[in-house]
C-alpha atoms as a PDB file:
ATOM      1  CA  MET A   1      27.451 -10.180  16.488  1.00  0.00           C
ATOM      2  CA  PRO A   2      23.703 -10.506  15.602  1.00  0.00           C
ATOM      3  CA  ASP A   3      21.833 -13.153  17.547  1.00  0.00           C
ATOM      4  CA  TRP A   4      19.722 -15.320  14.921  1.00  0.00           C
ATOM      5  CA  ILE A   5      17.265 -17.645  16.200  1.00  0.00           C
ATOM      6  CA  THR A   6      15.966 -20.720  13.685  1.00  0.00           C
ATOM      7  CA  VAL A   7      12.475 -20.658  13.183  1.00  0.00           C
ATOM      8  CA  CYS A   8      12.181 -23.847  10.972  1.00  0.00           C
ATOM      9  CA  PRO A   9      13.747 -25.172   7.721  1.00  0.00           C
ATOM     10  CA  ALA A  10      12.495 -23.127   4.811  1.00  0.00           C
ATOM     11  CA  ALA A  11      10.901 -26.081   3.086  1.00  0.00           C
ATOM     12  CA  GLU A  12       8.353 -26.132   5.804  1.00  0.00           C
ATOM     13  CA  MET A  13       7.046 -22.674   4.756  1.00  0.00           C
ATOM     14  CA  ASP A  14       4.756 -21.938   1.534  1.00  0.00           C
ATOM     15  CA  ALA A  15       5.180 -18.738  -0.086  1.00  0.00           C
ATOM     16  CA  GLU A  16       2.689 -16.288   1.386  1.00  0.00           C
ATOM     17  CA  SER A  17       2.615 -17.974   4.477  1.00  0.00           C
ATOM     18  CA  VAL A  18       3.064 -17.332   8.308  1.00  0.00           C
ATOM     19  CA  ARG A  19       4.529 -18.952  11.046  1.00  0.00           C
ATOM     20  CA  ARG A  20       4.343 -18.396  14.960  1.00  0.00           C
ATOM     21  CA  LEU A  21       7.602 -18.516  17.040  1.00  0.00           C
ATOM     22  CA  ASP A  22       7.432 -18.082  20.809  1.00  0.00           C
ATOM     23  CA  HIS A  23      10.993 -16.899  22.121  1.00  0.00           C
ATOM     24  CA  ALA A  24      12.430 -15.691  25.272  1.00  0.00           C
ATOM     25  CA  GLY A  25       8.941 -14.509  26.506  1.00  0.00           C
ATOM     26  CA  ARG A  26       8.065 -12.870  23.272  1.00  0.00           C
ATOM     27  CA  SER A  27       5.625 -13.789  20.415  1.00  0.00           C
ATOM     28  CA  TYR A  28       6.771 -13.297  16.873  1.00  0.00           C
ATOM     29  CA  ALA A  29       4.994 -13.981  13.501  1.00  0.00           C
ATOM     30  CA  VAL A  30       7.592 -14.866  10.513  1.00  0.00           C
ATOM     31  CA  TYR A  31       6.413 -14.723   6.760  1.00  0.00           C
ATOM     32  CA  ARG A  32       7.384 -16.052   3.412  1.00  0.00           C
ATOM     33  CA  GLY A  33       6.563 -13.654   0.930  1.00  0.00           C
ATOM     34  CA  PRO A  34       5.428 -14.586  -2.639  1.00  0.00           C
ATOM     35  CA  ALA A  35       9.041 -13.881  -3.894  1.00  0.00           C
ATOM     36  CA  ASP A  36      10.769 -16.400  -1.317  1.00  0.00           C
ATOM     37  CA  ASP A  37      11.605 -13.472   0.947  1.00  0.00           C
ATOM     38  CA  TYR A  38      11.280 -13.489   4.725  1.00  0.00           C
ATOM     39  CA  TYR A  39       9.987 -10.988   7.360  1.00  0.00           C
ATOM     40  CA  CYS A  40       9.164 -10.798  11.062  1.00  0.00           C
ATOM     41  CA  THR A  41       6.839  -8.737  12.850  1.00  0.00           C
ATOM     42  CA  ASP A  42       5.302  -8.662  16.559  1.00  0.00           C
ATOM     43  CA  GLY A  43       3.232 -11.763  16.679  1.00  0.00           C
ATOM     44  CA  HIS A  44       0.131 -10.081  18.157  1.00  0.00           C
ATOM     45  CA  CYS A  45      -2.230  -7.526  16.630  1.00  0.00           C
ATOM     46  CA  THR A  46      -1.898  -4.121  17.939  1.00  0.00           C
ATOM     47  CA  HIS A  47      -5.645  -3.821  18.168  1.00  0.00           C
ATOM     48  CA  GLU A  48      -6.567  -6.540  20.714  1.00  0.00           C
ATOM     49  CA  ALA A  49      -3.494  -8.686  20.878  1.00  0.00           C
ATOM     50  CA  VAL A  50      -4.864 -11.700  18.821  1.00  0.00           C
ATOM     51  CA  HIS A  51      -1.892 -13.583  17.466  1.00  0.00           C
ATOM     52  CA  LEU A  52      -1.349 -12.848  13.799  1.00  0.00           C
ATOM     53  CA  ALA A  53       0.070 -16.326  12.894  1.00  0.00           C
ATOM     54  CA  ASP A  54      -3.698 -17.633  12.822  1.00  0.00           C
ATOM     55  CA  GLY A  55      -4.466 -14.818  10.189  1.00  0.00           C
ATOM     56  CA  LEU A  56      -4.870 -14.767   6.392  1.00  0.00           C
ATOM     57  CA  VAL A  57      -1.582 -13.999   4.414  1.00  0.00           C
ATOM     58  CA  MET A  58      -2.219 -12.373   0.859  1.00  0.00           C
ATOM     59  CA  ASP A  59       0.593 -10.938  -1.020  1.00  0.00           C
ATOM     60  CA  TYR A  60       2.382  -8.952   1.414  1.00  0.00           C
ATOM     61  CA  ALA A  61      -0.123  -8.241   3.941  1.00  0.00           C
ATOM     62  CA  ILE A  62      -1.705 -10.310   6.980  1.00  0.00           C
ATOM     63  CA  GLU A  63      -5.014 -10.043   8.155  1.00  0.00           C
ATOM     64  CA  CYS A  64      -5.926 -10.174  11.877  1.00  0.00           C
ATOM     65  CA  PRO A  65      -8.272 -13.120  12.218  1.00  0.00           C
ATOM     66  CA  LYS A  66     -10.420 -11.431  15.077  1.00  0.00           C
ATOM     67  CA  HIS A  67     -11.447  -8.170  13.452  1.00  0.00           C
ATOM     68  CA  GLY A  68      -9.903  -7.928   9.754  1.00  0.00           C
ATOM     69  CA  GLY A  69      -7.353  -5.298  10.832  1.00  0.00           C
ATOM     70  CA  GLU A  70      -4.540  -5.499   8.087  1.00  0.00           C
ATOM     71  CA  PHE A  71      -0.641  -4.936   8.290  1.00  0.00           C
ATOM     72  CA  ASP A  72       2.062  -4.751   5.709  1.00  0.00           C
ATOM     73  CA  TYR A  73       4.448  -7.282   7.277  1.00  0.00           C
ATOM     74  CA  ARG A  74       7.485  -5.854   5.416  1.00  0.00           C
ATOM     75  CA  SER A  75       7.155  -2.628   7.147  1.00  0.00           C
ATOM     76  CA  GLY A  76       4.602  -3.270  10.061  1.00  0.00           C
ATOM     77  CA  GLU A  77       2.232  -0.699   8.547  1.00  0.00           C
ATOM     78  CA  ALA A  78      -1.307  -0.781   9.867  1.00  0.00           C
ATOM     79  CA  THR A  79      -3.095  -0.534   6.601  1.00  0.00           C
ATOM     80  CA  ARG A  80      -6.706  -1.478   7.624  1.00  0.00           C
ATOM     81  CA  MET A  81      -8.781  -0.437  10.621  1.00  0.00           C
ATOM     82  CA  PRO A  82      -9.493  -1.297  13.535  1.00  0.00           C
ATOM     83  CA  ALA A  83      -5.535  -1.914  13.490  1.00  0.00           C
ATOM     84  CA  CYS A  84      -4.047   1.746  13.767  1.00  0.00           C
ATOM     85  CA  ARG A  85      -0.735   1.050  15.413  1.00  0.00           C
ATOM     86  CA  ASN A  86       2.161  -0.357  13.392  1.00  0.00           C
ATOM     87  CA  LEU A  87       3.921  -3.554  14.309  1.00  0.00           C
ATOM     88  CA  ARG A  88       7.486  -3.731  15.242  1.00  0.00           C
ATOM     89  CA  THR A  89       9.745  -5.690  12.818  1.00  0.00           C
ATOM     90  CA  TRP A  90      12.845  -7.684  12.888  1.00  0.00           C
ATOM     91  CA  PRO A  91      15.383  -8.585  10.339  1.00  0.00           C
ATOM     92  CA  ALA A  92      14.587 -12.139   8.795  1.00  0.00           C
ATOM     93  CA  ARG A  93      16.630 -14.606   6.339  1.00  0.00           C
ATOM     94  CA  CYS A  94      16.718 -17.794   4.706  1.00  0.00           C
ATOM     95  CA  ALA A  95      20.530 -19.133   5.450  1.00  0.00           C
ATOM     96  CA  ASP A  96      21.556 -22.678   4.540  1.00  0.00           C
ATOM     97  CA  GLY A  97      18.277 -23.883   3.981  1.00  0.00           C
ATOM     98  CA  LEU A  98      16.847 -22.495   7.551  1.00  0.00           C
ATOM     99  CA  VAL A  99      14.492 -19.628   8.372  1.00  0.00           C
ATOM    100  CA  GLN A 100      15.985 -17.299  10.761  1.00  0.00           C
ATOM    101  CA  ILE A 101      15.197 -14.039  12.672  1.00  0.00           C
ATOM    102  CA  GLU A 102      17.462 -11.503  14.386  1.00  0.00           C
ATOM    103  CA  VAL A 103      16.420 -10.611  17.690  1.00  0.00           C
END
């Protein structure tokens, strides 16, 4: 049985936004895409461990606030230097009006 963790009510997240979640000693970044779809990645940039929730979301990309590295948050793929290692991803969903991630 999957372990779904509630992040927040969906109404609290705008399209093309990111929210930080710290759970069980790990930090996550949770995204609401432009088509009301949800995604989850590691919370920290793979370049210098800055939290991505402080970054800029554009379409399906998150830009690290420190050096401008960029990731496709759907796949975790690093798409712009200085980020060169991909992010880990987890399933995310909206169920009964709540944003949830599976950890």
